[in-house]
N, C-alpha and C. Protein backbone atom coordinates (compact mmCIF):
# COMPACT_ATOMS: atom_id res chain seq x y z
N MET A 1 0.82 -1.19 0.00
CA MET A 1 0.00 0.00 0.00
C MET A 1 0.87 1.27 0.00
N ILE A 2 1.92 1.26 0.82
CA ILE A 2 2.81 2.41 0.89
C ILE A 2 3.53 2.59 -0.45
N PHE A 3 3.89 1.47 -1.09
CA PHE A 3 4.56 1.54 -2.39
C PHE A 3 3.66 2.19 -3.44
N ILE A 4 2.38 1.84 -3.44
CA ILE A 4 1.43 2.41 -4.40
C ILE A 4 1.26 3.90 -4.15
N PHE A 5 1.17 4.29 -2.88
CA PHE A 5 1.02 5.71 -2.53
C PHE A 5 2.24 6.50 -2.99
N ARG A 6 3.44 5.97 -2.72
CA ARG A 6 4.67 6.66 -3.12
C ARG A 6 4.78 6.73 -4.64
N SER A 7 4.41 5.68 -5.31
CA SER A 7 4.44 5.67 -6.78
C SER A 7 3.47 6.69 -7.35
N SER A 8 2.29 6.77 -6.75
CA SER A 8 1.29 7.75 -7.19
C SER A 8 1.78 9.17 -6.97
N MET A 9 2.38 9.43 -5.81
CA MET A 9 2.91 10.76 -5.51
C MET A 9 4.03 11.13 -6.48
N ALA A 10 4.90 10.15 -6.78
CA ALA A 10 5.99 10.42 -7.71
C ALA A 10 5.44 10.75 -9.09
N PHE A 11 4.42 10.02 -9.52
CA PHE A 11 3.79 10.29 -10.81
C PHE A 11 3.19 11.70 -10.85
N VAL A 12 2.44 12.06 -9.80
CA VAL A 12 1.83 13.39 -9.72
C VAL A 12 2.89 14.48 -9.73
N MET A 13 3.96 14.31 -8.99
CA MET A 13 5.03 15.30 -8.95
C MET A 13 5.69 15.46 -10.32
N CYS A 14 5.89 14.34 -11.02
CA CYS A 14 6.48 14.41 -12.37
C CYS A 14 5.57 15.15 -13.34
N VAL A 15 4.28 14.87 -13.27
CA VAL A 15 3.32 15.55 -14.14
C VAL A 15 3.30 17.03 -13.85
N LEU A 16 3.25 17.39 -12.56
CA LEU A 16 3.23 18.81 -12.18
C LEU A 16 4.51 19.51 -12.60
N TRP A 17 5.66 18.86 -12.41
CA TRP A 17 6.92 19.47 -12.79
C TRP A 17 6.98 19.69 -14.30
N PHE A 18 6.59 18.67 -15.06
CA PHE A 18 6.60 18.78 -16.52
C PHE A 18 5.67 19.89 -16.99
N HIS A 19 4.48 19.96 -16.39
CA HIS A 19 3.51 20.99 -16.77
C HIS A 19 4.03 22.38 -16.44
N SER A 20 4.61 22.55 -15.26
CA SER A 20 5.10 23.88 -14.87
C SER A 20 6.33 24.27 -15.67
N ALA A 21 7.13 23.29 -16.09
CA ALA A 21 8.32 23.61 -16.88
C ALA A 21 7.94 24.10 -18.27
N ASN A 22 6.81 23.67 -18.79
CA ASN A 22 6.38 24.08 -20.12
C ASN A 22 5.46 25.30 -20.10
N ALA A 23 4.98 25.68 -18.94
CA ALA A 23 4.04 26.80 -18.85
C ALA A 23 4.81 28.06 -18.48
N GLU A 24 5.30 28.76 -19.48
CA GLU A 24 6.05 29.99 -19.25
C GLU A 24 5.28 31.17 -19.82
N PHE A 25 5.06 32.16 -19.00
CA PHE A 25 4.36 33.36 -19.44
C PHE A 25 5.31 34.20 -20.27
N ARG A 26 4.84 34.74 -21.33
CA ARG A 26 5.65 35.57 -22.23
C ARG A 26 5.01 36.95 -22.37
N VAL A 27 5.82 37.97 -22.35
CA VAL A 27 5.36 39.33 -22.63
C VAL A 27 5.51 39.54 -24.13
N THR A 28 4.41 39.83 -24.80
CA THR A 28 4.43 39.94 -26.25
C THR A 28 4.27 41.38 -26.75
N GLU A 29 3.90 42.30 -25.85
CA GLU A 29 3.75 43.70 -26.25
C GLU A 29 5.06 44.44 -26.02
N SER A 30 5.26 45.50 -26.77
CA SER A 30 6.46 46.30 -26.60
C SER A 30 6.35 47.17 -25.35
N GLN A 31 7.47 47.68 -24.93
CA GLN A 31 7.50 48.55 -23.77
C GLN A 31 6.63 49.78 -23.99
N GLN A 32 6.66 50.35 -25.19
CA GLN A 32 5.87 51.53 -25.49
C GLN A 32 4.37 51.24 -25.38
N VAL A 33 3.93 50.09 -25.88
CA VAL A 33 2.52 49.72 -25.80
C VAL A 33 2.09 49.58 -24.35
N LEU A 34 2.92 48.91 -23.54
CA LEU A 34 2.57 48.71 -22.12
C LEU A 34 2.54 50.04 -21.37
N LEU A 35 3.48 50.93 -21.68
CA LEU A 35 3.48 52.24 -21.02
C LEU A 35 2.21 53.02 -21.36
N LYS A 36 1.78 52.93 -22.59
CA LYS A 36 0.57 53.63 -23.01
C LYS A 36 -0.67 53.04 -22.32
N LEU A 37 -0.71 51.73 -22.22
CA LEU A 37 -1.85 51.06 -21.58
C LEU A 37 -1.91 51.32 -20.07
N ARG A 38 -0.80 51.67 -19.49
CA ARG A 38 -0.74 51.93 -18.04
C ARG A 38 -1.63 53.11 -17.66
N GLU A 39 -1.87 54.01 -18.59
CA GLU A 39 -2.76 55.15 -18.40
C GLU A 39 -2.43 55.99 -17.17
N ARG A 40 -1.17 56.24 -16.96
CA ARG A 40 -0.75 57.09 -15.86
C ARG A 40 0.21 58.14 -16.40
N LEU A 41 0.11 59.33 -15.88
CA LEU A 41 1.07 60.36 -16.25
C LEU A 41 2.39 60.06 -15.56
N THR A 42 3.47 60.40 -16.22
CA THR A 42 4.80 60.18 -15.67
C THR A 42 5.56 61.49 -15.60
N LEU A 43 6.72 61.44 -14.98
CA LEU A 43 7.56 62.62 -14.86
C LEU A 43 7.88 63.20 -16.23
N GLU A 44 8.11 62.35 -17.22
CA GLU A 44 8.43 62.85 -18.55
C GLU A 44 7.24 63.53 -19.23
N ASP A 45 6.03 63.34 -18.71
CA ASP A 45 4.85 64.01 -19.25
C ASP A 45 4.73 65.45 -18.76
N LEU A 46 5.47 65.80 -17.71
CA LEU A 46 5.40 67.17 -17.18
C LEU A 46 6.01 68.16 -18.17
N ALA A 47 5.37 69.30 -18.31
CA ALA A 47 5.92 70.38 -19.12
C ALA A 47 6.99 71.11 -18.29
N ILE A 48 7.82 71.89 -18.95
CA ILE A 48 8.84 72.67 -18.24
C ILE A 48 8.14 73.56 -17.20
N MET A 49 8.64 73.54 -15.98
CA MET A 49 8.16 74.29 -14.80
C MET A 49 6.88 73.70 -14.20
N GLU A 50 6.37 72.61 -14.75
CA GLU A 50 5.18 71.98 -14.17
C GLU A 50 5.63 71.08 -13.02
N ARG A 51 4.73 70.93 -12.04
CA ARG A 51 5.03 70.14 -10.84
C ARG A 51 4.17 68.89 -10.77
N GLY A 52 4.69 67.91 -10.03
CA GLY A 52 3.96 66.68 -9.78
C GLY A 52 4.48 66.02 -8.53
N ILE A 53 3.80 64.97 -8.10
CA ILE A 53 4.21 64.21 -6.91
C ILE A 53 4.49 62.78 -7.35
N VAL A 54 5.67 62.27 -6.98
CA VAL A 54 6.04 60.88 -7.28
C VAL A 54 5.99 60.07 -5.98
N PRO A 55 5.77 58.75 -6.09
CA PRO A 55 5.64 57.95 -4.87
C PRO A 55 6.94 57.79 -4.08
N ALA A 56 8.09 57.89 -4.74
CA ALA A 56 9.38 57.76 -4.06
C ALA A 56 10.44 58.41 -4.93
N LEU A 57 11.59 58.69 -4.33
CA LEU A 57 12.66 59.32 -5.10
C LEU A 57 13.22 58.35 -6.13
N GLY A 58 13.60 57.15 -5.74
CA GLY A 58 14.09 56.13 -6.67
C GLY A 58 15.18 56.62 -7.60
N ALA A 59 16.21 57.25 -7.05
CA ALA A 59 17.26 57.86 -7.86
C ALA A 59 18.42 56.89 -8.10
N CYS A 60 19.21 57.24 -9.11
CA CYS A 60 20.44 56.50 -9.40
C CYS A 60 21.60 57.49 -9.42
N ASN A 61 22.81 56.95 -9.39
CA ASN A 61 24.02 57.74 -9.27
C ASN A 61 24.86 57.63 -10.54
N ARG A 62 25.28 58.79 -11.04
CA ARG A 62 26.24 58.81 -12.16
C ARG A 62 27.29 59.86 -11.81
N ASN A 63 28.48 59.40 -11.44
CA ASN A 63 29.59 60.28 -11.08
C ASN A 63 29.22 61.26 -9.96
N GLY A 64 28.46 60.80 -8.99
CA GLY A 64 28.11 61.63 -7.84
C GLY A 64 26.84 62.45 -8.03
N ALA A 65 26.37 62.57 -9.26
CA ALA A 65 25.12 63.29 -9.51
C ALA A 65 23.96 62.30 -9.45
N LEU A 66 22.82 62.75 -8.96
CA LEU A 66 21.65 61.88 -8.85
C LEU A 66 20.67 62.16 -9.98
N PHE A 67 20.09 61.07 -10.50
CA PHE A 67 19.12 61.13 -11.59
C PHE A 67 17.90 60.30 -11.21
N VAL A 68 16.75 60.66 -11.76
CA VAL A 68 15.54 59.85 -11.59
C VAL A 68 15.00 59.49 -12.96
N SER A 69 14.27 58.39 -13.00
CA SER A 69 13.68 57.92 -14.24
C SER A 69 12.49 58.78 -14.64
N GLY A 70 12.41 59.12 -15.89
CA GLY A 70 11.27 59.86 -16.41
C GLY A 70 10.00 59.03 -16.42
N ARG A 71 10.14 57.72 -16.19
CA ARG A 71 8.98 56.83 -16.19
C ARG A 71 8.34 56.71 -14.81
N ASN A 72 8.87 57.43 -13.81
CA ASN A 72 8.21 57.46 -12.50
C ASN A 72 6.82 58.02 -12.69
N TYR A 73 5.83 57.29 -12.21
CA TYR A 73 4.46 57.78 -12.39
C TYR A 73 4.13 58.84 -11.36
N LEU A 74 3.19 59.69 -11.72
CA LEU A 74 2.77 60.78 -10.86
C LEU A 74 1.54 60.38 -10.06
N LEU A 75 1.52 60.76 -8.80
CA LEU A 75 0.36 60.52 -7.95
C LEU A 75 -0.67 61.62 -8.18
N GLU A 76 -1.91 61.31 -7.90
CA GLU A 76 -2.97 62.31 -8.05
C GLU A 76 -3.05 63.26 -6.87
N GLY A 77 -2.52 62.87 -5.74
CA GLY A 77 -2.51 63.72 -4.55
C GLY A 77 -1.39 63.30 -3.63
N ALA A 78 -1.15 64.11 -2.62
CA ALA A 78 -0.08 63.82 -1.67
C ALA A 78 -0.51 62.72 -0.71
N PRO A 79 0.36 61.76 -0.43
CA PRO A 79 0.03 60.72 0.54
C PRO A 79 0.00 61.29 1.96
N SER A 80 -0.82 60.70 2.80
CA SER A 80 -0.90 61.14 4.20
C SER A 80 0.25 60.61 5.03
N TYR A 81 0.72 59.42 4.70
CA TYR A 81 1.78 58.77 5.47
C TYR A 81 3.07 58.73 4.67
N GLY A 82 4.18 58.63 5.37
CA GLY A 82 5.47 58.58 4.69
C GLY A 82 5.88 59.96 4.20
N LEU A 83 6.65 59.96 3.13
CA LEU A 83 7.16 61.22 2.59
C LEU A 83 6.39 61.63 1.34
N VAL A 84 6.35 62.93 1.12
CA VAL A 84 5.74 63.50 -0.08
C VAL A 84 6.89 64.04 -0.93
N TRP A 85 7.09 63.43 -2.09
CA TRP A 85 8.16 63.81 -3.02
C TRP A 85 7.57 64.64 -4.15
N ARG A 86 7.73 65.95 -4.07
CA ARG A 86 7.25 66.85 -5.11
C ARG A 86 8.40 67.15 -6.07
N VAL A 87 8.12 67.05 -7.34
CA VAL A 87 9.15 67.33 -8.35
C VAL A 87 8.67 68.45 -9.26
N GLN A 88 9.62 69.21 -9.75
CA GLN A 88 9.33 70.24 -10.74
C GLN A 88 10.31 70.05 -11.88
N ARG A 89 9.76 69.94 -13.07
CA ARG A 89 10.62 69.73 -14.24
C ARG A 89 11.21 71.07 -14.68
N LEU A 90 12.50 71.04 -14.97
CA LEU A 90 13.22 72.22 -15.43
C LEU A 90 13.70 72.00 -16.86
N GLN A 91 14.24 73.03 -17.45
CA GLN A 91 14.81 72.90 -18.79
C GLN A 91 16.07 72.04 -18.72
N GLY A 92 16.39 71.43 -19.83
CA GLY A 92 17.63 70.67 -19.91
C GLY A 92 17.56 69.33 -19.19
N ASP A 93 16.40 68.71 -19.15
CA ASP A 93 16.23 67.41 -18.50
C ASP A 93 16.71 67.40 -17.05
N LYS A 94 16.33 68.43 -16.32
CA LYS A 94 16.65 68.52 -14.90
C LYS A 94 15.36 68.69 -14.11
N ILE A 95 15.44 68.37 -12.82
CA ILE A 95 14.30 68.57 -11.92
C ILE A 95 14.80 69.12 -10.60
N THR A 96 13.89 69.74 -9.88
CA THR A 96 14.12 70.06 -8.48
C THR A 96 13.17 69.18 -7.68
N VAL A 97 13.57 68.85 -6.47
CA VAL A 97 12.78 67.99 -5.61
C VAL A 97 12.52 68.71 -4.30
N SER A 98 11.30 68.63 -3.85
CA SER A 98 10.92 69.15 -2.54
C SER A 98 10.31 67.98 -1.78
N VAL A 99 10.86 67.67 -0.64
CA VAL A 99 10.37 66.53 0.13
C VAL A 99 9.91 67.00 1.51
N SER A 100 8.77 66.46 1.93
CA SER A 100 8.22 66.78 3.26
C SER A 100 7.52 65.54 3.80
N ARG A 101 7.15 65.60 5.03
CA ARG A 101 6.42 64.48 5.63
C ARG A 101 4.95 64.62 5.29
N GLY A 102 4.28 63.47 5.13
CA GLY A 102 2.84 63.46 4.91
C GLY A 102 2.13 64.01 6.14
N SER A 103 0.90 64.45 5.99
CA SER A 103 0.16 65.09 7.08
C SER A 103 0.00 64.21 8.31
N ASP A 104 -0.08 62.89 8.15
CA ASP A 104 -0.23 61.98 9.28
C ASP A 104 1.03 61.17 9.54
N SER A 105 2.14 61.59 9.00
CA SER A 105 3.37 60.81 9.08
C SER A 105 4.16 61.11 10.35
N THR A 106 4.78 60.09 10.87
CA THR A 106 5.71 60.24 12.00
C THR A 106 7.13 59.92 11.54
N THR A 107 7.31 59.77 10.25
CA THR A 107 8.60 59.44 9.67
C THR A 107 9.59 60.57 9.91
N SER A 108 10.83 60.22 10.27
CA SER A 108 11.89 61.20 10.43
C SER A 108 12.37 61.63 9.05
N LEU A 109 12.25 62.90 8.76
CA LEU A 109 12.63 63.40 7.43
C LEU A 109 14.13 63.22 7.19
N ARG A 110 14.94 63.54 8.17
CA ARG A 110 16.39 63.45 8.03
C ARG A 110 16.83 62.00 7.79
N THR A 111 16.30 61.08 8.57
CA THR A 111 16.63 59.66 8.41
C THR A 111 16.18 59.15 7.05
N SER A 112 14.99 59.52 6.63
CA SER A 112 14.47 59.07 5.34
C SER A 112 15.27 59.63 4.17
N LEU A 113 15.69 60.88 4.28
CA LEU A 113 16.53 61.46 3.22
C LEU A 113 17.87 60.75 3.15
N ALA A 114 18.47 60.46 4.29
CA ALA A 114 19.74 59.74 4.30
C ALA A 114 19.58 58.37 3.65
N GLN A 115 18.47 57.69 3.95
CA GLN A 115 18.22 56.37 3.35
C GLN A 115 18.02 56.48 1.83
N ALA A 116 17.29 57.47 1.39
CA ALA A 116 17.05 57.66 -0.04
C ALA A 116 18.36 57.94 -0.78
N MET A 117 19.23 58.76 -0.19
CA MET A 117 20.52 59.06 -0.82
C MET A 117 21.43 57.84 -0.80
N LEU A 118 21.39 57.07 0.30
CA LEU A 118 22.18 55.84 0.37
C LEU A 118 21.76 54.87 -0.73
N SER A 119 20.46 54.70 -0.90
CA SER A 119 19.95 53.83 -1.97
C SER A 119 20.39 54.34 -3.34
N ALA A 120 20.38 55.65 -3.51
CA ALA A 120 20.73 56.24 -4.81
C ALA A 120 22.22 56.06 -5.12
N ILE A 121 23.08 56.21 -4.15
CA ILE A 121 24.51 56.13 -4.47
C ILE A 121 24.96 54.71 -4.79
N VAL A 122 24.19 53.70 -4.37
CA VAL A 122 24.56 52.33 -4.72
C VAL A 122 23.80 51.84 -5.96
N SER A 123 22.91 52.66 -6.50
CA SER A 123 22.18 52.31 -7.73
C SER A 123 22.81 53.06 -8.90
N ARG A 124 23.47 52.33 -9.77
CA ARG A 124 24.10 52.96 -10.92
C ARG A 124 23.08 53.22 -12.02
N CYS A 125 23.23 54.32 -12.71
CA CYS A 125 22.28 54.70 -13.77
C CYS A 125 22.39 53.82 -15.01
N ASP A 126 23.44 53.00 -15.12
CA ASP A 126 23.55 52.11 -16.27
C ASP A 126 22.87 50.77 -16.03
N GLN A 127 22.22 50.59 -14.88
CA GLN A 127 21.48 49.37 -14.62
C GLN A 127 20.21 49.36 -15.48
N ASP A 128 19.71 48.16 -15.79
CA ASP A 128 18.57 48.01 -16.70
C ASP A 128 17.39 48.89 -16.34
N HIS A 129 17.04 48.95 -15.06
CA HIS A 129 15.87 49.71 -14.63
C HIS A 129 15.98 51.17 -15.05
N PHE A 130 17.17 51.72 -15.03
CA PHE A 130 17.35 53.13 -15.36
C PHE A 130 17.77 53.35 -16.81
N SER A 131 18.56 52.45 -17.37
CA SER A 131 19.12 52.70 -18.70
C SER A 131 18.08 52.67 -19.81
N SER A 132 16.93 52.07 -19.57
CA SER A 132 15.91 52.00 -20.62
C SER A 132 14.94 53.17 -20.59
N ALA A 133 15.13 54.12 -19.68
CA ALA A 133 14.21 55.25 -19.54
C ALA A 133 14.97 56.56 -19.64
N PRO A 134 14.27 57.64 -20.02
CA PRO A 134 14.93 58.94 -19.99
C PRO A 134 15.23 59.32 -18.55
N LEU A 135 16.40 59.89 -18.32
CA LEU A 135 16.81 60.27 -16.96
C LEU A 135 16.80 61.78 -16.80
N TYR A 136 16.41 62.21 -15.61
CA TYR A 136 16.37 63.63 -15.28
C TYR A 136 17.29 63.87 -14.09
N GLU A 137 18.23 64.78 -14.26
CA GLU A 137 19.19 65.07 -13.20
C GLU A 137 18.53 65.91 -12.11
N ILE A 138 18.79 65.55 -10.87
CA ILE A 138 18.27 66.30 -9.74
C ILE A 138 19.20 67.50 -9.51
N GLU A 139 18.64 68.69 -9.67
CA GLU A 139 19.43 69.91 -9.48
C GLU A 139 19.52 70.26 -7.99
N THR A 140 18.39 70.22 -7.29
CA THR A 140 18.38 70.49 -5.85
C THR A 140 17.33 69.63 -5.16
N ILE A 141 17.54 69.40 -3.89
CA ILE A 141 16.53 68.77 -3.02
C ILE A 141 16.31 69.75 -1.87
N ASN A 142 15.07 70.17 -1.71
CA ASN A 142 14.71 71.19 -0.70
C ASN A 142 15.63 72.41 -0.78
N GLY A 143 15.97 72.79 -2.01
CA GLY A 143 16.77 73.98 -2.24
C GLY A 143 18.26 73.80 -2.06
N GLU A 144 18.71 72.63 -1.68
CA GLU A 144 20.13 72.37 -1.43
C GLU A 144 20.73 71.58 -2.59
N ALA A 145 21.98 71.88 -2.92
CA ALA A 145 22.64 71.24 -4.06
C ALA A 145 23.58 70.10 -3.66
N THR A 146 23.80 69.89 -2.35
CA THR A 146 24.66 68.80 -1.90
C THR A 146 23.98 68.05 -0.75
N SER A 147 24.37 66.79 -0.60
CA SER A 147 23.79 66.00 0.49
C SER A 147 24.20 66.56 1.84
N ALA A 148 25.42 67.04 1.97
CA ALA A 148 25.88 67.60 3.25
C ALA A 148 25.03 68.80 3.64
N ALA A 149 24.79 69.70 2.71
CA ALA A 149 23.97 70.89 3.00
C ALA A 149 22.53 70.48 3.32
N LEU A 150 22.02 69.50 2.60
CA LEU A 150 20.65 69.05 2.83
C LEU A 150 20.50 68.46 4.23
N LEU A 151 21.43 67.61 4.63
CA LEU A 151 21.32 66.97 5.95
C LEU A 151 21.53 67.96 7.08
N VAL A 152 22.35 68.97 6.88
CA VAL A 152 22.53 70.01 7.90
C VAL A 152 21.25 70.84 8.02
N ALA A 153 20.60 71.12 6.90
CA ALA A 153 19.42 71.98 6.89
C ALA A 153 18.15 71.24 7.35
N THR A 154 18.21 69.89 7.41
CA THR A 154 17.03 69.11 7.77
C THR A 154 17.09 68.69 9.22
N PRO A 155 16.10 69.08 10.01
CA PRO A 155 16.11 68.70 11.44
C PRO A 155 15.90 67.21 11.63
């Protein structure tokens, strides 16, 4: 009886493995088609001097300068919790960033900014996630042009 049960289980496992090995999902639409179907405005949709809110900074590093993907989608309103990342598009593929705490947030702004910059300096702009999108250089964050000045100015 135990032999039959084990044989049956082995058969079922082989069938499931074979079925799952052959069942591979494929993306057949182009990146442009999928972006269009997403039906969300992105940073690259902003006109010069227009502002928007992105869900996170998500920056990358190129020779010490920080860049963000133009494919970051824009939120319809400011979140209540966490940080509010407001961006303004400038000429020359640059942006300014203004970051504040959400109205109901207890998040430490200084700690969160340090974490965002730490994530950015270890993310290279030539990585796949960034290299396939237009990049916008961050000119200032909260009016400051360096991380040292930003962290000193942020309580």
